[in-house]
Amino acid sequence: QHNYSMSNIVKCTVMLTNINDFKAFNA
């Protein structure tokens, strides 16, 4: 919407309410 793309992303912070979901998130 602001004329950027996922390729502009250099850092993500992921917050999970269950750390056991980490593998599923990676997929």
mmCIF file of all heavy atoms, coordinates in Angstrom:
data_MODEL
# 
_entry.id   MODEL 
# 
loop_
_atom_site.group_PDB 
_atom_site.id 
_atom_site.type_symbol 
_atom_site.label_atom_id 
_atom_site.label_alt_id 
_atom_site.label_comp_id 
_atom_site.label_asym_id 
_atom_site.label_entity_id 
_atom_site.label_seq_id 
_atom_site.pdbx_PDB_ins_code 
_atom_site.Cartn_x 
_atom_site.Cartn_y 
_atom_site.Cartn_z 
_atom_site.occupancy 
_atom_site.B_iso_or_equiv 
_atom_site.pdbx_formal_charge 
_atom_site.auth_seq_id 
_atom_site.auth_comp_id 
_atom_site.auth_asym_id 
_atom_site.auth_atom_id 
_atom_site.pdbx_PDB_model_num 
ATOM 1   N N   . GLN A 1 1  ? 0.822  -1.213  0.000  1.00 0.00 ? 1  GLN A N   1 
ATOM 2   C CA  . GLN A 1 1  ? 0.000  0.000   0.000  1.00 0.00 ? 1  GLN A CA  1 
ATOM 3   C C   . GLN A 1 1  ? 0.855  1.262   0.000  1.00 0.00 ? 1  GLN A C   1 
ATOM 4   O O   . GLN A 1 1  ? 0.399  2.320   -0.401 1.00 0.00 ? 1  GLN A O   1 
ATOM 5   C CB  . GLN A 1 1  ? -0.936 0.019   1.218  1.00 0.00 ? 1  GLN A CB  1 
ATOM 6   C CG  . GLN A 1 1  ? -2.062 -0.966  1.126  1.00 0.00 ? 1  GLN A CG  1 
ATOM 7   C CD  . GLN A 1 1  ? -2.856 -1.058  2.416  1.00 0.00 ? 1  GLN A CD  1 
ATOM 8   O OE1 . GLN A 1 1  ? -2.358 -0.767  3.510  1.00 0.00 ? 1  GLN A OE1 1 
ATOM 9   N NE2 . GLN A 1 1  ? -4.100 -1.477  2.310  1.00 0.00 ? 1  GLN A NE2 1 
ATOM 10  N N   . HIS A 1 2  ? 2.092  1.129   0.442  1.00 0.00 ? 2  HIS A N   1 
ATOM 11  C CA  . HIS A 1 2  ? 3.005  2.272   0.502  1.00 0.00 ? 2  HIS A CA  1 
ATOM 12  C C   . HIS A 1 2  ? 4.148  2.128   -0.507 1.00 0.00 ? 2  HIS A C   1 
ATOM 13  O O   . HIS A 1 2  ? 5.189  2.767   -0.369 1.00 0.00 ? 2  HIS A O   1 
ATOM 14  C CB  . HIS A 1 2  ? 3.539  2.435   1.931  1.00 0.00 ? 2  HIS A CB  1 
ATOM 15  C CG  . HIS A 1 2  ? 2.453  2.719   2.920  1.00 0.00 ? 2  HIS A CG  1 
ATOM 16  N ND1 . HIS A 1 2  ? 1.792  3.923   2.977  1.00 0.00 ? 2  HIS A ND1 1 
ATOM 17  C CD2 . HIS A 1 2  ? 1.885  1.934   3.864  1.00 0.00 ? 2  HIS A CD2 1 
ATOM 18  C CE1 . HIS A 1 2  ? 0.878  3.868   3.920  1.00 0.00 ? 2  HIS A CE1 1 
ATOM 19  N NE2 . HIS A 1 2  ? 0.904  2.685   4.477  1.00 0.00 ? 2  HIS A NE2 1 
ATOM 20  N N   . ASN A 1 3  ? 3.935  1.264   -1.501 1.00 0.00 ? 3  ASN A N   1 
ATOM 21  C CA  . ASN A 1 3  ? 4.897  1.044   -2.599 1.00 0.00 ? 3  ASN A CA  1 
ATOM 22  C C   . ASN A 1 3  ? 6.214  0.414   -2.160 1.00 0.00 ? 3  ASN A C   1 
ATOM 23  O O   . ASN A 1 3  ? 7.266  0.719   -2.721 1.00 0.00 ? 3  ASN A O   1 
ATOM 24  C CB  . ASN A 1 3  ? 5.132  2.336   -3.385 1.00 0.00 ? 3  ASN A CB  1 
ATOM 25  C CG  . ASN A 1 3  ? 3.845  2.846   -4.000 1.00 0.00 ? 3  ASN A CG  1 
ATOM 26  O OD1 . ASN A 1 3  ? 3.106  2.089   -4.617 1.00 0.00 ? 3  ASN A OD1 1 
ATOM 27  N ND2 . ASN A 1 3  ? 3.561  4.118   -3.812 1.00 0.00 ? 3  ASN A ND2 1 
ATOM 28  N N   . TYR A 1 4  ? 6.156  -0.456  -1.158 1.00 0.00 ? 4  TYR A N   1 
ATOM 29  C CA  . TYR A 1 4  ? 7.304  -1.241  -0.728 1.00 0.00 ? 4  TYR A CA  1 
ATOM 30  C C   . TYR A 1 4  ? 6.949  -2.710  -0.863 1.00 0.00 ? 4  TYR A C   1 
ATOM 31  O O   . TYR A 1 4  ? 5.818  -3.056  -1.209 1.00 0.00 ? 4  TYR A O   1 
ATOM 32  C CB  . TYR A 1 4  ? 7.708  -0.905  0.713  1.00 0.00 ? 4  TYR A CB  1 
ATOM 33  C CG  . TYR A 1 4  ? 8.063  0.558   0.897  1.00 0.00 ? 4  TYR A CG  1 
ATOM 34  C CD1 . TYR A 1 4  ? 7.247  1.405   1.630  1.00 0.00 ? 4  TYR A CD1 1 
ATOM 35  C CD2 . TYR A 1 4  ? 9.208  1.086   0.312  1.00 0.00 ? 4  TYR A CD2 1 
ATOM 36  C CE1 . TYR A 1 4  ? 7.562  2.757   1.778  1.00 0.00 ? 4  TYR A CE1 1 
ATOM 37  C CE2 . TYR A 1 4  ? 9.525  2.426   0.458  1.00 0.00 ? 4  TYR A CE2 1 
ATOM 38  C CZ  . TYR A 1 4  ? 8.701  3.249   1.189  1.00 0.00 ? 4  TYR A CZ  1 
ATOM 39  O OH  . TYR A 1 4  ? 9.014  4.572   1.324  1.00 0.00 ? 4  TYR A OH  1 
ATOM 40  N N   . SER A 1 5  ? 7.911  -3.596  -0.585 1.00 0.00 ? 5  SER A N   1 
ATOM 41  C CA  . SER A 1 5  ? 7.646  -5.027  -0.683 1.00 0.00 ? 5  SER A CA  1 
ATOM 42  C C   . SER A 1 5  ? 8.357  -5.769  0.446  1.00 0.00 ? 5  SER A C   1 
ATOM 43  O O   . SER A 1 5  ? 9.155  -5.188  1.192  1.00 0.00 ? 5  SER A O   1 
ATOM 44  C CB  . SER A 1 5  ? 8.113  -5.559  -2.038 1.00 0.00 ? 5  SER A CB  1 
ATOM 45  O OG  . SER A 1 5  ? 9.527  -5.583  -2.085 1.00 0.00 ? 5  SER A OG  1 
ATOM 46  N N   . MET A 1 6  ? 8.094  -7.066  0.518  1.00 0.00 ? 6  MET A N   1 
ATOM 47  C CA  . MET A 1 6  ? 8.729  -7.893  1.532  1.00 0.00 ? 6  MET A CA  1 
ATOM 48  C C   . MET A 1 6  ? 10.250 -7.878  1.385  1.00 0.00 ? 6  MET A C   1 
ATOM 49  O O   . MET A 1 6  ? 10.965 -8.069  2.364  1.00 0.00 ? 6  MET A O   1 
ATOM 50  C CB  . MET A 1 6  ? 8.204  -9.326  1.455  1.00 0.00 ? 6  MET A CB  1 
ATOM 51  C CG  . MET A 1 6  ? 6.706  -9.463  1.734  1.00 0.00 ? 6  MET A CG  1 
ATOM 52  S SD  . MET A 1 6  ? 6.239  -9.003  3.415  1.00 0.00 ? 6  MET A SD  1 
ATOM 53  C CE  . MET A 1 6  ? 6.368  -10.582 4.231  1.00 0.00 ? 6  MET A CE  1 
ATOM 54  N N   . SER A 1 7  ? 10.743 -7.624  0.194  1.00 0.00 ? 7  SER A N   1 
ATOM 55  C CA  . SER A 1 7  ? 12.198 -7.582  -0.001 1.00 0.00 ? 7  SER A CA  1 
ATOM 56  C C   . SER A 1 7  ? 12.837 -6.375  0.684  1.00 0.00 ? 7  SER A C   1 
ATOM 57  O O   . SER A 1 7  ? 14.051 -6.344  0.854  1.00 0.00 ? 7  SER A O   1 
ATOM 58  C CB  . SER A 1 7  ? 12.540 -7.589  -1.494 1.00 0.00 ? 7  SER A CB  1 
ATOM 59  O OG  . SER A 1 7  ? 12.077 -6.412  -2.112 1.00 0.00 ? 7  SER A OG  1 
ATOM 60  N N   . ASN A 1 8  ? 12.038 -5.397  1.107  1.00 0.00 ? 8  ASN A N   1 
ATOM 61  C CA  . ASN A 1 8  ? 12.560 -4.257  1.855  1.00 0.00 ? 8  ASN A CA  1 
ATOM 62  C C   . ASN A 1 8  ? 12.822 -4.594  3.326  1.00 0.00 ? 8  ASN A C   1 
ATOM 63  O O   . ASN A 1 8  ? 13.522 -3.862  4.022  1.00 0.00 ? 8  ASN A O   1 
ATOM 64  C CB  . ASN A 1 8  ? 11.597 -3.067  1.798  1.00 0.00 ? 8  ASN A CB  1 
ATOM 65  C CG  . ASN A 1 8  ? 11.535 -2.435  0.439  1.00 0.00 ? 8  ASN A CG  1 
ATOM 66  O OD1 . ASN A 1 8  ? 10.561 -2.609  -0.290 1.00 0.00 ? 8  ASN A OD1 1 
ATOM 67  N ND2 . ASN A 1 8  ? 12.570 -1.706  0.067  1.00 0.00 ? 8  ASN A ND2 1 
ATOM 68  N N   . ILE A 1 9  ? 12.269 -5.706  3.811  1.00 0.00 ? 9  ILE A N   1 
ATOM 69  C CA  . ILE A 1 9  ? 12.383 -6.060  5.228  1.00 0.00 ? 9  ILE A CA  1 
ATOM 70  C C   . ILE A 1 9  ? 13.783 -6.593  5.534  1.00 0.00 ? 9  ILE A C   1 
ATOM 71  O O   . ILE A 1 9  ? 14.289 -7.481  4.856  1.00 0.00 ? 9  ILE A O   1 
ATOM 72  C CB  . ILE A 1 9  ? 11.323 -7.101  5.626  1.00 0.00 ? 9  ILE A CB  1 
ATOM 73  C CG1 . ILE A 1 9  ? 9.915  -6.541  5.399  1.00 0.00 ? 9  ILE A CG1 1 
ATOM 74  C CG2 . ILE A 1 9  ? 11.503 -7.545  7.075  1.00 0.00 ? 9  ILE A CG2 1 
ATOM 75  C CD1 . ILE A 1 9  ? 9.616  -5.267  6.154  1.00 0.00 ? 9  ILE A CD1 1 
ATOM 76  N N   . VAL A 1 10 ? 14.401 -6.022  6.586  1.00 0.00 ? 10 VAL A N   1 
ATOM 77  C CA  . VAL A 1 10 ? 15.735 -6.465  7.010  1.00 0.00 ? 10 VAL A CA  1 
ATOM 78  C C   . VAL A 1 10 ? 15.736 -7.071  8.413  1.00 0.00 ? 10 VAL A C   1 
ATOM 79  O O   . VAL A 1 10 ? 16.703 -7.718  8.806  1.00 0.00 ? 10 VAL A O   1 
ATOM 80  C CB  . VAL A 1 10 ? 16.767 -5.309  6.931  1.00 0.00 ? 10 VAL A CB  1 
ATOM 81  C CG1 . VAL A 1 10 ? 16.934 -4.832  5.497  1.00 0.00 ? 10 VAL A CG1 1 
ATOM 82  C CG2 . VAL A 1 10 ? 16.393 -4.155  7.850  1.00 0.00 ? 10 VAL A CG2 1 
ATOM 83  N N   . LYS A 1 11 ? 14.647 -6.881  9.184  1.00 0.00 ? 11 LYS A N   1 
ATOM 84  C CA  . LYS A 1 11 ? 14.595 -7.390  10.566 1.00 0.00 ? 11 LYS A CA  1 
ATOM 85  C C   . LYS A 1 11 ? 13.150 -7.623  10.964 1.00 0.00 ? 11 LYS A C   1 
ATOM 86  O O   . LYS A 1 11 ? 12.284 -6.793  10.678 1.00 0.00 ? 11 LYS A O   1 
ATOM 87  C CB  . LYS A 1 11 ? 15.222 -6.359  11.521 1.00 0.00 ? 11 LYS A CB  1 
ATOM 88  C CG  . LYS A 1 11 ? 14.992 -6.610  13.010 1.00 0.00 ? 11 LYS A CG  1 
ATOM 89  C CD  . LYS A 1 11 ? 15.812 -7.777  13.540 1.00 0.00 ? 11 LYS A CD  1 
ATOM 90  C CE  . LYS A 1 11 ? 15.846 -7.857  15.049 1.00 0.00 ? 11 LYS A CE  1 
ATOM 91  N NZ  . LYS A 1 11 ? 14.698 -8.524  15.636 1.00 0.00 ? 11 LYS A NZ  1 
ATOM 92  N N   . CYS A 1 12 ? 12.873 -8.765  11.578 1.00 0.00 ? 12 CYS A N   1 
ATOM 93  C CA  . CYS A 1 12 ? 11.540 -9.067  12.110 1.00 0.00 ? 12 CYS A CA  1 
ATOM 94  C C   . CYS A 1 12 ? 11.663 -9.446  13.576 1.00 0.00 ? 12 CYS A C   1 
ATOM 95  O O   . CYS A 1 12 ? 12.620 -10.121 13.975 1.00 0.00 ? 12 CYS A O   1 
ATOM 96  C CB  . CYS A 1 12 ? 10.896 -10.231 11.364 1.00 0.00 ? 12 CYS A CB  1 
ATOM 97  S SG  . CYS A 1 12 ? 10.487 -9.905  9.656  1.00 0.00 ? 12 CYS A SG  1 
ATOM 98  N N   . THR A 1 13 ? 10.692 -9.024  14.344 1.00 0.00 ? 13 THR A N   1 
ATOM 99  C CA  . THR A 1 13 ? 10.560 -9.463  15.728 1.00 0.00 ? 13 THR A CA  1 
ATOM 100 C C   . THR A 1 13 ? 9.244  -10.227 15.815 1.00 0.00 ? 13 THR A C   1 
ATOM 101 O O   . THR A 1 13 ? 8.193  -9.693  15.461 1.00 0.00 ? 13 THR A O   1 
ATOM 102 C CB  . THR A 1 13 ? 10.559 -8.277  16.702 1.00 0.00 ? 13 THR A CB  1 
ATOM 103 O OG1 . THR A 1 13 ? 11.788 -7.555  16.527 1.00 0.00 ? 13 THR A OG1 1 
ATOM 104 C CG2 . THR A 1 13 ? 10.440 -8.746  18.143 1.00 0.00 ? 13 THR A CG2 1 
ATOM 105 N N   . VAL A 1 14 ? 9.321  -11.471 16.248 1.00 0.00 ? 14 VAL A N   1 
ATOM 106 C CA  . VAL A 1 14 ? 8.169  -12.360 16.296 1.00 0.00 ? 14 VAL A CA  1 
ATOM 107 C C   . VAL A 1 14 ? 7.804  -12.605 17.756 1.00 0.00 ? 14 VAL A C   1 
ATOM 108 O O   . VAL A 1 14 ? 8.667  -12.978 18.561 1.00 0.00 ? 14 VAL A O   1 
ATOM 109 C CB  . VAL A 1 14 ? 8.493  -13.706 15.612 1.00 0.00 ? 14 VAL A CB  1 
ATOM 110 C CG1 . VAL A 1 14 ? 7.288  -14.635 15.638 1.00 0.00 ? 14 VAL A CG1 1 
ATOM 111 C CG2 . VAL A 1 14 ? 8.995  -13.475 14.192 1.00 0.00 ? 14 VAL A CG2 1 
ATOM 112 N N   . MET A 1 15 ? 6.550  -12.391 18.086 1.00 0.00 ? 15 MET A N   1 
ATOM 113 C CA  . MET A 1 15 ? 6.045  -12.641 19.437 1.00 0.00 ? 15 MET A CA  1 
ATOM 114 C C   . MET A 1 15 ? 5.004  -13.750 19.362 1.00 0.00 ? 15 MET A C   1 
ATOM 115 O O   . MET A 1 15 ? 4.058  -13.653 18.583 1.00 0.00 ? 15 MET A O   1 
ATOM 116 C CB  . MET A 1 15 ? 5.441  -11.368 20.019 1.00 0.00 ? 15 MET A CB  1 
ATOM 117 C CG  . MET A 1 15 ? 6.494  -10.276 20.253 1.00 0.00 ? 15 MET A CG  1 
ATOM 118 S SD  . MET A 1 15 ? 5.812  -8.611  20.238 1.00 0.00 ? 15 MET A SD  1 
ATOM 119 C CE  . MET A 1 15 ? 5.942  -8.225  18.480 1.00 0.00 ? 15 MET A CE  1 
ATOM 120 N N   . LEU A 1 16 ? 5.215  -14.801 20.136 1.00 0.00 ? 16 LEU A N   1 
ATOM 121 C CA  . LEU A 1 16 ? 4.344  -15.972 20.138 1.00 0.00 ? 16 LEU A CA  1 
ATOM 122 C C   . LEU A 1 16 ? 3.789  -16.183 21.541 1.00 0.00 ? 16 LEU A C   1 
ATOM 123 O O   . LEU A 1 16 ? 4.543  -16.099 22.517 1.00 0.00 ? 16 LEU A O   1 
ATOM 124 C CB  . LEU A 1 16 ? 5.127  -17.223 19.732 1.00 0.00 ? 16 LEU A CB  1 
ATOM 125 C CG  . LEU A 1 16 ? 5.903  -17.167 18.422 1.00 0.00 ? 16 LEU A CG  1 
ATOM 126 C CD1 . LEU A 1 16 ? 6.878  -18.331 18.325 1.00 0.00 ? 16 LEU A CD1 1 
ATOM 127 C CD2 . LEU A 1 16 ? 4.940  -17.164 17.250 1.00 0.00 ? 16 LEU A CD2 1 
ATOM 128 N N   . THR A 1 17 ? 2.508  -16.491 21.648 1.00 0.00 ? 17 THR A N   1 
ATOM 129 C CA  . THR A 1 17 ? 1.971  -16.797 22.978 1.00 0.00 ? 17 THR A CA  1 
ATOM 130 C C   . THR A 1 17 ? 2.332  -18.212 23.404 1.00 0.00 ? 17 THR A C   1 
ATOM 131 O O   . THR A 1 17 ? 2.220  -18.546 24.578 1.00 0.00 ? 17 THR A O   1 
ATOM 132 C CB  . THR A 1 17 ? 0.441  -16.610 23.033 1.00 0.00 ? 17 THR A CB  1 
ATOM 133 O OG1 . THR A 1 17 ? -0.169 -17.453 22.064 1.00 0.00 ? 17 THR A OG1 1 
ATOM 134 C CG2 . THR A 1 17 ? 0.061  -15.148 22.806 1.00 0.00 ? 17 THR A CG2 1 
ATOM 135 N N   . ASN A 1 18 ? 2.796  -19.028 22.449 1.00 0.00 ? 18 ASN A N   1 
ATOM 136 C CA  . ASN A 1 18 ? 3.262  -20.374 22.761 1.00 0.00 ? 18 ASN A CA  1 
ATOM 137 C C   . ASN A 1 18 ? 4.532  -20.632 21.948 1.00 0.00 ? 18 ASN A C   1 
ATOM 138 O O   . ASN A 1 18 ? 4.466  -20.776 20.729 1.00 0.00 ? 18 ASN A O   1 
ATOM 139 C CB  . ASN A 1 18 ? 2.183  -21.408 22.420 1.00 0.00 ? 18 ASN A CB  1 
ATOM 140 C CG  . ASN A 1 18 ? 2.580  -22.827 22.800 1.00 0.00 ? 18 ASN A CG  1 
ATOM 141 O OD1 . ASN A 1 18 ? 3.754  -23.127 23.035 1.00 0.00 ? 18 ASN A OD1 1 
ATOM 142 N ND2 . ASN A 1 18 ? 1.593  -23.707 22.851 1.00 0.00 ? 18 ASN A ND2 1 
ATOM 143 N N   . ILE A 1 19 ? 5.656  -20.690 22.598 1.00 0.00 ? 19 ILE A N   1 
ATOM 144 C CA  . ILE A 1 19 ? 6.936  -20.862 21.897 1.00 0.00 ? 19 ILE A CA  1 
ATOM 145 C C   . ILE A 1 19 ? 6.983  -22.184 21.131 1.00 0.00 ? 19 ILE A C   1 
ATOM 146 O O   . ILE A 1 19 ? 7.755  -22.329 20.176 1.00 0.00 ? 19 ILE A O   1 
ATOM 147 C CB  . ILE A 1 19 ? 8.135  -20.715 22.870 1.00 0.00 ? 19 ILE A CB  1 
ATOM 148 C CG1 . ILE A 1 19 ? 9.425  -20.400 22.090 1.00 0.00 ? 19 ILE A CG1 1 
ATOM 149 C CG2 . ILE A 1 19 ? 8.274  -21.933 23.750 1.00 0.00 ? 19 ILE A CG2 1 
ATOM 150 C CD1 . ILE A 1 19 ? 9.438  -19.075 21.403 1.00 0.00 ? 19 ILE A CD1 1 
ATOM 151 N N   . ASN A 1 20 ? 6.134  -23.131 21.486 1.00 0.00 ? 20 ASN A N   1 
ATOM 152 C CA  . ASN A 1 20 ? 6.079  -24.394 20.751 1.00 0.00 ? 20 ASN A CA  1 
ATOM 153 C C   . ASN A 1 20 ? 5.537  -24.215 19.327 1.00 0.00 ? 20 ASN A C   1 
ATOM 154 O O   . ASN A 1 20 ? 5.636  -25.129 18.509 1.00 0.00 ? 20 ASN A O   1 
ATOM 155 C CB  . ASN A 1 20 ? 5.247  -25.429 21.506 1.00 0.00 ? 20 ASN A CB  1 
ATOM 156 C CG  . ASN A 1 20 ? 5.913  -25.838 22.812 1.00 0.00 ? 20 ASN A CG  1 
ATOM 157 O OD1 . ASN A 1 20 ? 7.142  -25.941 22.886 1.00 0.00 ? 20 ASN A OD1 1 
ATOM 158 N ND2 . ASN A 1 20 ? 5.117  -26.046 23.842 1.00 0.00 ? 20 ASN A ND2 1 
ATOM 159 N N   . ASP A 1 21 ? 4.980  -23.049 19.020 1.00 0.00 ? 21 ASP A N   1 
ATOM 160 C CA  . ASP A 1 21 ? 4.505  -22.743 17.669 1.00 0.00 ? 21 ASP A CA  1 
ATOM 161 C C   . ASP A 1 21 ? 5.626  -22.246 16.760 1.00 0.00 ? 21 ASP A C   1 
ATOM 162 O O   . ASP A 1 21 ? 5.397  -21.959 15.582 1.00 0.00 ? 21 ASP A O   1 
ATOM 163 C CB  . ASP A 1 21 ? 3.390  -21.690 17.711 1.00 0.00 ? 21 ASP A CB  1 
ATOM 164 C CG  . ASP A 1 21 ? 2.096  -22.245 18.281 1.00 0.00 ? 21 ASP A CG  1 
ATOM 165 O OD1 . ASP A 1 21 ? 1.821  -23.443 18.074 1.00 0.00 ? 21 ASP A OD1 1 
ATOM 166 O OD2 . ASP A 1 21 ? 1.354  -21.466 18.912 1.00 0.00 ? 21 ASP A OD2 1 
ATOM 167 N N   . PHE A 1 22 ? 6.843  -22.156 17.278 1.00 0.00 ? 22 PHE A N   1 
ATOM 168 C CA  . PHE A 1 22 ? 7.960  -21.600 16.511 1.00 0.00 ? 22 PHE A CA  1 
ATOM 169 C C   . PHE A 1 22 ? 8.224  -22.383 15.225 1.00 0.00 ? 22 PHE A C   1 
ATOM 170 O O   . PHE A 1 22 ? 8.436  -21.806 14.164 1.00 0.00 ? 22 PHE A O   1 
ATOM 171 C CB  . PHE A 1 22 ? 9.210  -21.543 17.387 1.00 0.00 ? 22 PHE A CB  1 
ATOM 172 C CG  . PHE A 1 22 ? 10.370 -20.859 16.746 1.00 0.00 ? 22 PHE A CG  1 
ATOM 173 C CD1 . PHE A 1 22 ? 10.313 -19.512 16.427 1.00 0.00 ? 22 PHE A CD1 1 
ATOM 174 C CD2 . PHE A 1 22 ? 11.534 -21.561 16.448 1.00 0.00 ? 22 PHE A CD2 1 
ATOM 175 C CE1 . PHE A 1 22 ? 11.390 -18.865 15.827 1.00 0.00 ? 22 PHE A CE1 1 
ATOM 176 C CE2 . PHE A 1 22 ? 12.615 -20.921 15.849 1.00 0.00 ? 22 PHE A CE2 1 
ATOM 177 C CZ  . PHE A 1 22 ? 12.531 -19.576 15.539 1.00 0.00 ? 22 PHE A CZ  1 
ATOM 178 N N   . LYS A 1 23 ? 8.208  -23.696 15.284 1.00 0.00 ? 23 LYS A N   1 
ATOM 179 C CA  . LYS A 1 23 ? 8.456  -24.519 14.098 1.00 0.00 ? 23 LYS A CA  1 
ATOM 180 C C   . LYS A 1 23 ? 7.376  -24.278 13.041 1.00 0.00 ? 23 LYS A C   1 
ATOM 181 O O   . LYS A 1 23 ? 7.680  -24.114 11.858 1.00 0.00 ? 23 LYS A O   1 
ATOM 182 C CB  . LYS A 1 23 ? 8.531  -25.993 14.473 1.00 0.00 ? 23 LYS A CB  1 
ATOM 183 C CG  . LYS A 1 23 ? 8.870  -26.897 13.318 1.00 0.00 ? 23 LYS A CG  1 
ATOM 184 C CD  . LYS A 1 23 ? 9.028  -28.341 13.768 1.00 0.00 ? 23 LYS A CD  1 
ATOM 185 C CE  . LYS A 1 23 ? 9.367  -29.227 12.579 1.00 0.00 ? 23 LYS A CE  1 
ATOM 186 N NZ  . LYS A 1 23 ? 9.544  -30.622 12.975 1.00 0.00 ? 23 LYS A NZ  1 
ATOM 187 N N   . ALA A 1 24 ? 6.131  -24.229 13.461 1.00 0.00 ? 24 ALA A N   1 
ATOM 188 C CA  . ALA A 1 24 ? 5.030  -23.965 12.524 1.00 0.00 ? 24 ALA A CA  1 
ATOM 189 C C   . ALA A 1 24 ? 5.163  -22.562 11.931 1.00 0.00 ? 24 ALA A C   1 
ATOM 190 O O   . ALA A 1 24 ? 4.903  -22.357 10.737 1.00 0.00 ? 24 ALA A O   1 
ATOM 191 C CB  . ALA A 1 24 ? 3.681  -24.125 13.232 1.00 0.00 ? 24 ALA A CB  1 
ATOM 192 N N   . PHE A 1 25 ? 5.593  -21.604 12.746 1.00 0.00 ? 25 PHE A N   1 
ATOM 193 C CA  . PHE A 1 25 ? 5.788  -20.253 12.234 1.00 0.00 ? 25 PHE A CA  1 
ATOM 194 C C   . PHE A 1 25 ? 6.866  -20.240 11.155 1.00 0.00 ? 25 PHE A C   1 
ATOM 195 O O   . PHE A 1 25 ? 6.701  -19.605 10.109 1.00 0.00 ? 25 PHE A O   1 
ATOM 196 C CB  . PHE A 1 25 ? 6.144  -19.264 13.352 1.00 0.00 ? 25 PHE A CB  1 
ATOM 197 C CG  . PHE A 1 25 ? 6.315  -17.872 12.831 1.00 0.00 ? 25 PHE A CG  1 
ATOM 198 C CD1 . PHE A 1 25 ? 5.220  -17.074 12.578 1.00 0.00 ? 25 PHE A CD1 1 
ATOM 199 C CD2 . PHE A 1 25 ? 7.575  -17.369 12.550 1.00 0.00 ? 25 PHE A CD2 1 
ATOM 200 C CE1 . PHE A 1 25 ? 5.360  -15.800 12.042 1.00 0.00 ? 25 PHE A CE1 1 
ATOM 201 C CE2 . PHE A 1 25 ? 7.738  -16.103 12.023 1.00 0.00 ? 25 PHE A CE2 1 
ATOM 202 C CZ  . PHE A 1 25 ? 6.617  -15.309 11.779 1.00 0.00 ? 25 PHE A CZ  1 
ATOM 203 N N   . ASN A 1 26 ? 7.973  -20.927 11.392 1.00 0.00 ? 26 ASN A N   1 
ATOM 204 C CA  . ASN A 1 26 ? 9.056  -20.975 10.408 1.00 0.00 ? 26 ASN A CA  1 
ATOM 205 C C   . ASN A 1 26 ? 8.575  -21.510 9.062  1.00 0.00 ? 26 ASN A C   1 
ATOM 206 O O   . ASN A 1 26 ? 8.973  -21.012 8.005  1.00 0.00 ? 26 ASN A O   1 
ATOM 207 C CB  . ASN A 1 26 ? 10.217 -21.823 10.910 1.00 0.00 ? 26 ASN A CB  1 
ATOM 208 C CG  . ASN A 1 26 ? 11.165 -21.033 11.776 1.00 0.00 ? 26 ASN A CG  1 
ATOM 209 O OD1 . ASN A 1 26 ? 11.207 -19.814 11.730 1.00 0.00 ? 26 ASN A OD1 1 
ATOM 210 N ND2 . ASN A 1 26 ? 11.925 -21.732 12.585 1.00 0.00 ? 26 ASN A ND2 1 
ATOM 211 N N   . ALA A 1 27 ? 7.722  -22.524 9.080  1.00 0.00 ? 27 ALA A N   1 
ATOM 212 C CA  . ALA A 1 27 ? 7.204  -23.100 7.838  1.00 0.00 ? 27 ALA A CA  1 
ATOM 213 C C   . ALA A 1 27 ? 6.411  -22.059 7.043  1.00 0.00 ? 27 ALA A C   1 
ATOM 214 O O   . ALA A 1 27 ? 6.499  -22.005 5.812  1.00 0.00 ? 27 ALA A O   1 
ATOM 215 C CB  . ALA A 1 27 ? 6.340  -24.316 8.145  1.00 0.00 ? 27 ALA A CB  1 
# 
